[in-house]
């Protein structure tokens, strides 16, 4: 397992590489973004305790590709980030709702 400080430094250097690669090729930067994050946080994705690690990796890859494609399509990141914010807020609301329904079904915390 990678120490938290070392993984933070790897993330910083990796994001710097993604930005530099993005000046040359957006698709290459998107692929590098996916590979760097999966490589750094492989313990969260590929451990025995991970929940549906293949689905997580596939969803992360598809979402990153869609976000990069949308940013390329409109040529501005403000609208893309706003759309990402809206999706994140709806996802959080959905997860809170699912947790509430689960607590109602199970009978609350013990």
Protein backbone atom coordinates (compact mmCIF):
# COMPACT_ATOMS: atom_id res chain seq x y z
CA UNK A 1 0.00 0.00 0.00
CA UNK A 2 1.24 3.48 -0.85
CA UNK A 3 1.57 5.95 2.01
CA UNK A 4 -0.86 8.90 1.87
CA UNK A 5 1.93 11.46 1.51
CA UNK A 6 3.58 9.54 -1.32
CA UNK A 7 0.26 9.05 -3.11
CA UNK A 8 -0.44 12.79 -2.82
CA UNK A 9 2.92 13.59 -4.41
CA UNK A 10 2.29 11.04 -7.16
CA UNK A 11 -1.11 12.61 -7.78
CA UNK A 12 0.41 16.10 -8.04
CA UNK A 13 3.13 14.99 -10.44
CA UNK A 14 0.62 12.93 -12.43
CA UNK A 15 -1.78 15.85 -12.80
CA UNK A 16 1.09 18.03 -13.93
CA UNK A 17 1.88 15.45 -16.60
CA UNK A 18 -1.78 15.37 -17.64
CA UNK A 19 -1.85 19.16 -18.04
CA UNK A 20 1.36 19.18 -20.08
CA UNK A 21 0.07 16.33 -22.23
CA UNK A 22 -3.22 18.22 -22.66
CA UNK A 23 -1.39 21.01 -24.46
CA UNK A 24 -0.44 18.48 -27.13
CA UNK A 25 -3.37 16.08 -27.29
CA UNK A 26 -6.62 16.06 -25.31
CA UNK A 27 -7.40 12.37 -25.99
CA UNK A 28 -3.92 11.37 -24.80
CA UNK A 29 -4.34 13.52 -21.69
CA UNK A 30 -7.70 11.87 -20.99
CA UNK A 31 -6.20 8.40 -21.28
CA UNK A 32 -3.28 9.44 -19.08
CA UNK A 33 -5.71 10.86 -16.50
CA UNK A 34 -7.52 7.55 -16.29
CA UNK A 35 -4.31 5.52 -16.04
CA UNK A 36 -2.73 7.75 -13.40
CA UNK A 37 -5.71 7.74 -11.08
CA UNK A 38 -6.25 4.00 -11.38
CA UNK A 39 -2.52 3.39 -10.81
CA UNK A 40 -2.32 5.62 -7.74
CA UNK A 41 -5.55 4.43 -6.14
CA UNK A 42 -5.27 0.79 -7.20
CA UNK A 43 -5.79 -0.34 -3.61
CA UNK A 44 -9.26 1.21 -3.66
CA UNK A 45 -10.13 -0.19 -7.07
CA UNK A 46 -8.50 -3.61 -7.28
CA UNK A 47 -8.42 -4.87 -3.69
CA UNK A 48 -10.35 -7.92 -2.54
CA UNK A 49 -12.62 -5.66 -0.48
CA UNK A 50 -13.46 -3.33 -3.36
CA UNK A 51 -17.10 -3.29 -4.35
CA UNK A 52 -17.52 -4.01 -8.06
CA UNK A 53 -14.06 -2.87 -9.08
CA UNK A 54 -14.58 -3.60 -12.78
CA UNK A 55 -17.79 -1.56 -12.86
CA UNK A 56 -16.06 1.31 -11.06
CA UNK A 57 -13.15 1.32 -13.50
CA UNK A 58 -15.47 1.16 -16.51
CA UNK A 59 -17.73 3.92 -15.18
CA UNK A 60 -14.75 6.12 -14.34
CA UNK A 61 -13.30 5.61 -17.82
CA UNK A 62 -16.59 6.36 -19.57
CA UNK A 63 -17.32 9.41 -17.39
CA UNK A 64 -13.85 10.87 -17.93
CA UNK A 65 -14.11 10.32 -21.67
CA UNK A 66 -17.54 11.93 -21.83
CA UNK A 67 -16.42 14.92 -19.80
CA UNK A 68 -13.36 15.42 -22.01
CA UNK A 69 -15.46 15.05 -25.15
CA UNK A 70 -17.99 17.57 -23.89
CA UNK A 71 -15.21 20.02 -23.02
CA UNK A 72 -13.77 19.60 -26.52
CA UNK A 73 -17.19 20.04 -28.10
CA UNK A 74 -17.99 23.40 -26.50
CA UNK A 75 -14.36 24.59 -26.18
CA UNK A 76 -14.95 26.06 -22.74
CA UNK A 77 -14.50 24.47 -19.34
CA UNK A 78 -16.87 26.64 -17.29
CA UNK A 79 -19.99 25.03 -18.75
CA UNK A 80 -18.43 21.57 -18.47
CA UNK A 81 -17.58 22.14 -14.80
CA UNK A 82 -21.07 23.48 -14.12
CA UNK A 83 -22.56 20.37 -15.70
CA UNK A 84 -20.22 18.22 -13.60
CA UNK A 85 -21.35 20.11 -10.48
CA UNK A 86 -25.01 19.53 -11.31
CA UNK A 87 -24.41 15.82 -11.88
CA UNK A 88 -22.46 15.55 -8.60
CA UNK A 89 -25.22 17.29 -6.63
CA UNK A 90 -27.90 15.02 -8.08
CA UNK A 91 -25.72 11.99 -7.36
CA UNK A 92 -25.27 13.03 -3.73
CA UNK A 93 -29.01 13.63 -3.36
CA UNK A 94 -29.69 10.22 -4.90
CA UNK A 95 -27.24 8.50 -2.53
CA UNK A 96 -28.79 10.23 0.48
CA UNK A 97 -32.22 9.10 -0.68
CA UNK A 98 -31.03 5.52 -1.15
CA UNK A 99 -29.46 5.54 2.32
CA UNK A 100 -32.69 6.89 3.81
CA UNK A 101 -34.73 4.15 2.13
CA UNK A 102 -32.24 1.54 3.34
CA UNK A 103 -32.52 2.82 6.91
CA UNK A 104 -36.32 2.69 6.66
CA UNK A 105 -36.21 -0.87 5.35
CA UNK A 106 -33.69 -2.14 7.90
CA UNK A 107 -35.08 -0.18 10.81
CA UNK A 108 -32.44 2.45 11.45
CA UNK A 109 -29.05 2.34 13.06
CA UNK A 110 -28.38 -0.12 15.88
